[in-house]
Structures are given as C-alpha cells and as structure tokens.
Protein backbone atom coordinates (compact mmCIF):
# COMPACT_ATOMS: atom_id res chain seq x y z
CA MET A 1 13.86 9.03 23.65
CA LYS A 2 10.14 9.23 22.90
CA TYR A 3 8.03 6.17 22.11
CA PHE A 4 4.99 6.66 19.86
CA SER A 5 2.47 3.97 20.77
CA ALA A 6 -0.28 2.69 18.50
CA GLU A 7 -2.85 4.67 20.47
CA GLU A 8 -0.92 7.95 20.18
CA LEU A 9 -0.30 7.49 16.46
CA HIS A 10 -4.03 6.99 15.84
CA THR A 11 -4.66 10.40 17.44
CA ILE A 12 -1.94 12.11 15.39
CA ILE A 13 -2.33 10.65 11.90
CA THR A 14 -5.34 11.77 9.88
CA PRO A 15 -6.25 10.52 6.39
CA GLU A 16 -5.05 13.84 4.99
CA ILE A 17 -1.68 13.48 6.71
CA ALA A 18 -1.30 9.89 5.47
CA VAL A 19 -2.04 10.81 1.84
CA GLU A 20 0.12 13.94 1.94
CA ALA A 21 3.02 11.92 3.40
CA SER A 22 2.65 9.39 0.58
CA LYS A 23 2.69 12.13 -2.03
CA GLU A 24 5.83 13.61 -0.49
CA ALA A 25 7.50 10.20 -0.15
CA PHE A 26 7.01 9.18 -3.77
CA SER A 27 7.88 12.58 -5.21
CA LYS A 28 11.08 12.84 -3.18
CA TYR A 29 11.99 9.20 -3.88
CA SER A 30 11.69 9.72 -7.63
CA SER A 31 13.66 12.99 -7.43
CA GLY A 32 16.35 11.46 -5.19
CA ASP A 33 15.73 13.80 -2.23
CA ILE A 34 14.89 10.81 -0.02
CA LYS A 35 17.07 7.74 -0.44
CA SER A 36 16.56 4.15 0.64
CA ALA A 37 18.48 0.90 0.50
CA ASP A 38 17.13 -2.36 -0.88
CA ARG A 39 15.00 -4.24 1.61
CA GLN A 40 16.99 -6.98 3.35
CA VAL A 41 14.92 -10.15 3.58
CA LEU A 42 15.72 -13.03 5.92
CA TYR A 43 13.89 -16.25 6.73
CA VAL A 44 14.10 -17.32 10.37
CA GLU A 45 12.62 -20.76 11.05
CA GLY A 46 10.67 -20.35 7.82
CA ASN A 47 9.25 -16.96 8.82
CA TRP A 48 9.75 -13.76 6.80
CA TRP A 49 11.76 -10.89 8.31
CA GLY A 50 12.60 -7.63 6.59
CA VAL A 51 14.92 -4.73 7.42
CA MET A 52 14.31 -1.40 5.69
CA THR A 53 16.20 1.90 5.83
CA ALA A 54 15.66 5.38 4.40
CA PHE A 55 17.15 8.81 4.98
CA ASP A 56 17.16 12.45 3.97
CA LYS A 57 19.26 15.41 5.10
CA SER A 58 17.65 15.51 8.55
CA TYR A 59 16.51 12.01 9.50
CA PHE A 60 17.41 8.33 9.16
CA ILE A 61 15.07 5.42 9.90
CA THR A 62 15.43 1.69 10.35
CA LYS A 63 12.34 -0.49 10.22
CA ILE A 64 12.24 -4.13 11.28
CA VAL A 65 9.17 -6.11 10.25
CA ASN A 66 8.24 -9.78 10.37
CA VAL A 67 5.42 -12.01 9.17
CA ILE A 68 4.80 -15.00 11.44
CA GLU A 69 1.55 -16.69 10.46
CA ASN A 70 0.95 -18.49 13.77
CA SER A 71 1.52 -15.38 15.85
CA THR A 72 -1.14 -12.90 16.99
CA PRO A 73 -0.95 -10.48 15.29
CA PRO A 74 0.90 -12.19 12.42
CA ILE A 75 2.74 -9.01 11.40
CA ASN A 76 4.90 -7.05 13.83
CA SER A 77 7.21 -4.12 13.21
CA LEU A 78 9.14 -1.35 14.91
CA ILE A 79 10.66 1.83 13.48
CA VAL A 80 13.59 3.74 15.00
CA LEU A 81 14.10 7.39 14.01
CA PHE A 82 17.60 8.87 14.18
CA SER A 83 18.92 12.37 13.65
CA ALA A 84 20.94 12.26 10.42
CA ILE A 85 22.97 15.18 11.77
CA SER A 86 23.98 13.93 15.25
CA GLY A 87 23.42 10.22 14.64
CA LYS A 88 21.45 9.90 17.89
CA PRO A 89 18.23 7.88 18.12
CA ILE A 90 15.38 10.26 18.90
CA ALA A 91 12.15 8.24 18.72
CA VAL A 92 10.68 4.76 18.37
CA PHE A 93 7.36 4.08 16.64
CA ASP A 94 4.83 1.27 16.58
CA GLY A 95 5.58 0.05 13.08
CA ASN A 96 2.26 -1.69 12.49
CA VAL A 97 0.29 1.54 12.68
CA ILE A 98 2.77 3.46 10.51
CA THR A 99 2.66 0.62 7.96
CA GLY A 100 -1.13 0.59 7.95
CA TYR A 101 -1.49 4.31 7.36
CA ARG A 102 1.33 4.69 4.86
CA THR A 103 0.15 1.70 2.79
CA ALA A 104 -3.44 2.90 2.68
CA GLY A 105 -2.28 6.45 2.07
CA ALA A 106 -0.38 5.32 -1.02
CA SER A 107 -3.36 3.38 -2.36
CA VAL A 108 -5.75 6.29 -1.85
CA LEU A 109 -3.25 8.67 -3.45
CA SER A 110 -3.14 6.43 -6.52
CA VAL A 111 -6.94 6.52 -6.73
CA GLU A 112 -6.93 10.32 -6.54
CA MET A 113 -4.24 10.61 -9.23
CA CYS A 114 -5.50 7.92 -11.61
CA TRP A 115 -9.28 8.00 -11.13
CA GLY A 116 -10.19 11.08 -9.11
CA LYS A 117 -11.73 11.61 -5.69
CA LYS A 118 -15.31 10.76 -6.76
CA VAL A 119 -15.79 6.99 -6.63
CA ASP A 120 -19.33 5.69 -7.01
CA LEU A 121 -18.48 2.01 -6.48
CA LEU A 122 -15.41 0.94 -4.47
CA GLY A 123 -14.54 -2.72 -3.99
CA ILE A 124 -12.09 -4.11 -1.43
CA ILE A 125 -10.75 -7.66 -1.70
CA GLY A 126 -9.97 -8.79 1.84
CA ALA A 127 -11.30 -7.80 5.25
CA GLY A 128 -8.22 -7.87 7.47
CA THR A 129 -6.10 -5.15 9.02
CA GLN A 130 -5.14 -3.52 5.73
CA ALA A 131 -8.77 -3.53 4.60
CA LYS A 132 -9.71 -1.56 7.71
CA TYR A 133 -7.01 1.06 7.15
CA HIS A 134 -7.94 1.35 3.48
CA ALA A 135 -11.66 1.64 4.18
CA LYS A 136 -11.05 4.28 6.85
CA LEU A 137 -8.88 6.44 4.60
CA ALA A 138 -10.92 5.92 1.44
CA LEU A 139 -14.24 6.81 3.06
CA SER A 140 -12.77 9.90 4.70
CA TYR A 141 -10.51 11.23 1.94
CA LEU A 142 -12.44 10.18 -1.18
CA GLN A 143 -16.10 10.68 -2.09
CA VAL A 144 -17.35 7.08 -2.04
CA ASP A 145 -21.01 6.25 -2.62
CA ARG A 146 -20.98 2.48 -2.01
CA LEU A 147 -18.36 0.15 -0.53
CA PHE A 148 -18.22 -3.57 -1.33
CA TYR A 149 -15.89 -6.22 0.02
CA ALA A 150 -15.10 -9.80 -0.93
CA SER A 151 -13.83 -12.29 1.62
CA ARG A 152 -13.96 -16.02 2.25
CA ARG A 153 -16.30 -15.42 5.19
CA GLU A 154 -18.59 -12.72 6.50
CA HIS A 155 -17.16 -9.92 8.65
CA PRO A 156 -20.12 -8.30 10.44
CA GLU A 157 -17.90 -5.88 12.37
CA PHE A 158 -16.30 -4.64 9.14
CA GLU A 159 -19.75 -4.23 7.59
CA ARG A 160 -21.06 -2.26 10.57
CA GLU A 161 -18.02 -0.01 10.93
CA PHE A 162 -17.75 0.95 7.27
CA GLY A 163 -21.21 0.30 5.87
CA ALA A 164 -19.74 -2.30 3.52
CA GLU A 165 -21.73 -4.85 1.52
CA ARG A 166 -20.30 -8.34 1.05
CA TYR A 167 -20.16 -9.53 -2.58
CA GLU A 168 -18.79 -12.67 -4.15
CA LEU A 169 -15.52 -11.91 -5.92
CA PRO A 170 -16.84 -12.03 -9.53
CA LYS A 171 -19.68 -9.63 -8.67
CA LEU A 172 -17.33 -7.27 -6.85
CA LEU A 173 -14.94 -7.17 -9.82
CA SER A 174 -17.71 -6.56 -12.33
CA SER A 175 -19.43 -3.92 -10.18
CA SER A 176 -16.53 -1.79 -8.92
CA GLN A 177 -14.96 1.22 -10.59
CA VAL A 178 -12.03 1.14 -8.17
CA ILE A 179 -10.70 -2.12 -6.72
CA LEU A 180 -8.30 -2.44 -3.78
CA SER A 181 -6.74 -5.89 -3.53
CA LEU A 182 -5.31 -6.38 -0.03
CA THR A 183 -4.70 -10.10 0.27
CA SER A 184 -2.03 -12.60 1.26
CA THR A 185 -2.87 -14.84 -1.69
CA LYS A 186 -0.27 -16.30 -4.02
CA SER A 187 -2.85 -16.86 -6.78
CA PRO A 188 -4.59 -14.10 -8.77
CA VAL A 189 -7.78 -12.50 -7.45
CA ILE A 190 -7.93 -9.57 -9.88
CA LEU A 191 -9.44 -11.47 -12.81
CA GLY A 192 -9.64 -9.69 -16.13
CA LYS A 193 -12.72 -11.45 -17.47
CA TYR A 194 -14.91 -9.80 -14.82
CA LEU A 195 -13.49 -6.27 -14.93
CA LYS A 196 -15.25 -3.24 -16.36
CA ASP A 197 -13.88 -1.55 -19.48
CA ASP A 198 -12.74 1.39 -17.35
CA PHE A 199 -11.32 0.87 -13.86
CA HIS A 200 -8.47 1.60 -11.50
CA ALA A 201 -7.10 -1.27 -9.42
CA VAL A 202 -4.62 -1.35 -6.55
CA SER A 203 -2.58 -4.42 -5.63
CA ILE A 204 -0.54 -4.44 -2.43
CA GLY A 205 -0.40 -8.21 -1.91
CA ALA A 206 1.75 -10.83 -3.67
CA HIS A 207 4.97 -9.09 -2.67
CA THR A 208 7.27 -12.02 -3.43
CA PRO A 209 8.55 -13.11 -6.86
CA ASP A 210 6.54 -16.35 -6.80
CA ALA A 211 3.16 -14.79 -5.91
CA ARG A 212 0.55 -13.04 -8.05
CA GLU A 213 -2.65 -11.08 -7.36
CA ILE A 214 -3.35 -10.12 -11.00
CA ASP A 215 -4.10 -12.59 -13.79
CA ASP A 216 -2.98 -12.40 -17.43
CA ASP A 217 -6.32 -11.08 -18.71
CA ALA A 218 -6.29 -8.22 -16.21
CA LEU A 219 -2.71 -7.29 -17.08
CA LEU A 220 -3.62 -7.17 -20.76
CA LYS A 221 -6.50 -4.77 -20.04
CA VAL A 222 -4.33 -2.34 -18.09
CA LYS A 223 -3.06 0.60 -20.17
CA THR A 224 -0.99 2.27 -17.44
CA PHE A 225 0.88 0.15 -14.89
CA VAL A 226 1.82 2.45 -12.02
CA VAL A 227 4.35 1.34 -9.39
CA ASP A 228 5.73 2.75 -6.17
CA ALA A 229 9.34 2.10 -7.24
CA VAL A 230 10.57 0.31 -10.36
CA ASP A 231 13.65 -0.99 -8.53
CA ALA A 232 11.53 -2.51 -5.76
CA VAL A 233 8.86 -4.19 -7.91
CA SER A 234 11.56 -5.52 -10.26
CA LYS A 235 12.98 -7.54 -7.36
CA GLU A 236 9.92 -8.36 -5.25
CA SER A 237 6.66 -8.35 -7.22
CA GLY A 238 5.67 -11.56 -8.97
CA ASP A 239 2.96 -9.64 -10.82
CA TYR A 240 5.52 -7.25 -12.29
CA ILE A 241 8.31 -9.77 -12.90
CA TYR A 242 6.01 -12.28 -14.61
CA GLY A 243 3.97 -9.69 -16.50
CA LEU A 244 7.03 -7.95 -17.88
CA SER A 245 8.71 -11.22 -18.90
CA LYS A 246 5.58 -12.29 -20.82
CA GLY A 247 5.06 -8.94 -22.51
CA LEU A 248 1.78 -8.34 -20.66
CA ILE A 249 2.77 -5.01 -19.09
CA ARG A 250 3.06 -1.75 -20.99
CA ASN A 251 3.48 1.89 -20.11
CA VAL A 252 5.10 1.58 -16.67
CA ALA A 253 5.21 4.76 -14.58
CA GLU A 254 6.42 5.53 -11.06
CA ILE A 255 3.71 7.26 -9.07
CA GLY A 256 6.16 9.94 -7.93
CA LYS A 257 6.59 11.06 -11.54
CA LEU A 258 2.89 11.29 -12.46
CA ARG A 259 1.61 14.79 -13.17
CA ASN A 260 -1.62 14.98 -15.17
CA GLY A 261 -3.51 11.72 -14.79
CA VAL A 262 -3.04 8.50 -16.74
CA GLU A 263 -4.58 6.51 -19.55
CA ARG A 264 -7.03 4.00 -18.12
CA PRO A 265 -7.71 1.25 -17.25
CA SER A 266 -4.90 1.71 -14.74
CA LEU A 267 -3.34 -0.31 -11.95
CA PHE A 268 -1.11 0.63 -9.03
CA LYS A 269 1.27 -2.07 -7.82
CA SER A 270 2.95 -1.39 -4.50
CA VAL A 271 5.37 -3.50 -2.49
CA GLY A 272 6.07 -0.69 -0.02
CA ILE A 273 9.29 1.30 0.27
CA ALA A 274 10.99 2.76 3.32
CA THR A 275 10.68 6.31 2.01
CA GLN A 276 6.95 6.02 2.77
CA ASP A 277 7.73 5.15 6.38
CA LEU A 278 10.21 8.01 6.68
CA ALA A 279 7.81 10.61 5.30
CA LEU A 280 5.00 9.60 7.67
CA VAL A 281 7.27 9.13 10.70
CA LYS A 282 8.67 12.64 10.17
CA LYS A 283 5.20 14.15 10.17
CA ALA A 284 4.13 12.18 13.25
CA TYR A 285 7.32 13.11 15.13
CA GLU A 286 7.10 16.80 14.29
CA ILE A 287 3.45 16.91 15.42
CA GLY A 288 3.78 14.76 18.52
CA ALA A 289 7.28 15.39 19.87
C-alpha cells in the first residue's frame, strides 16, 4: 500500500489540479455522483476530532483530523483511500497537505466563478498555514496585482515569499476587492462598515455553530451567499445558522450548481466536505501511483 508523504504531494499537486479537483468535487456532490456522510465530531480531552467519509463508484475515503491547540502542528490528519470495488485499502495520504490544497482550491474557484480571474487588490486575513496555501494558489492561478494581509503581528517570511503588504484590518477590508478570511476566531473579522460596495469574500473559519467570522452589516451587504454544501453549513457554520435565523442571508446557492456568475457583493462560506478530499486524492493517486 502506497504512502503519499507531504513532500511527494507538493510535487504532484499544482494550483490547476487543486482548482479542477474542487470544481469536480462540488459539481459531483451537487449532482449526487459523489456521496458523503455527515462529519462525525468528537471531543477528546477537550480537543476536536473529526471523521469524514466520501465515495463514488470507484473509490472510498476515510479522513481523520484533529485540532489540538497545544500541539505542533495544531492540526493533524490522515486519509485512507480504498477501492470501492474490492474494498481493499490502496493508499494513505498526508491529510494536512490534501486539506491545505483542497481548501485553497475551493476558495480560488469561488473567486474565479464569482469575481473572475483578474483581481487588482486581494486581501488575506490571517498568516498561518491556510494563508500560505491560499496565497500560493491565488498568485499562481489568478491574476493578482497586489496582495495584502492582516494579522495580529508581522510575518516577514510570509511577506518575502508572497510579496504581501501588511495592513491593519479596517484598511485591508476597505482596500480589497476580494477578501479571504482564514482565521480561527470566534468573533467576526469581516466587518460590513469597512467593505467596498462591490466585493467577493471567502470565509473558511468559524466552522462551529457558536463561532462567526462575518458580522451582521457584512451579511446584509451580501447579495449572493454561496456555500460548499447547504447540509454541512446548516449544521456547522455559526455564520450561516445565525444569519439565516435573523433573516440576514438571502439568495443561497451551492457552488456546485453555479453556472453563469452571481449577483454581487458575494460571499463563499465553506466548512469543508469530504467530497473535496476524495476528488483531490483521486487525482494525486492516479498521477503518483
């Protein structure tokens, strides 16, 4: 049984592969060609653990992921790929790398579909692992003129690697056409009072019912609220659950069903679904096996 290490996956997965896998994952999820079960969430000694599964006619995956704040790194995951025909395990993957690429691939896909590939001013909230994956894919796949980031402290390495300029959050929000919010916050950082009249925002943080990345004013500005999966955000996203209950969200659309752009301002809310992992794992396996 083959093991795909982090190093090998970085040589296999390109930005184009990551975005194409996301497009395939969402389209086939919405059409029912790839199926997944609800994420199982457990708390072990106060730490978050999740078990995710997805399958199609050829493959079945199980992903185990945890978030342990005092660990280094704080997020660890592993993905096992099975043959759906024989039932035999055929490969194991470093789940952190797959998660990084598939999450950023989904965000960049949403930018392409809702805004377009030409982005003059791109702002990233956060400077951690997800910010690095998102910056890498965005700068390669999209046509970005300037990249800003907002973080509690300076990140010189991030600035050097991606040519990013550090802005305070209000300035980043008021300057950026496209905003990628990649935080672990439980309180909103996408603040409507600072946003432009026309924008596209992405929120991948606040993936529990009691957490929010998007404030009321921002939700009211959004004309199209795009999600990875309605079933998933209905159970896991505090932004979606709260916003819907207060009548702040209108015109909800699954990204896999979008065809000809959206009415803006727009926002993509993603909690991550196992079909994304399956689509990218399949491509990596078929290239690297």
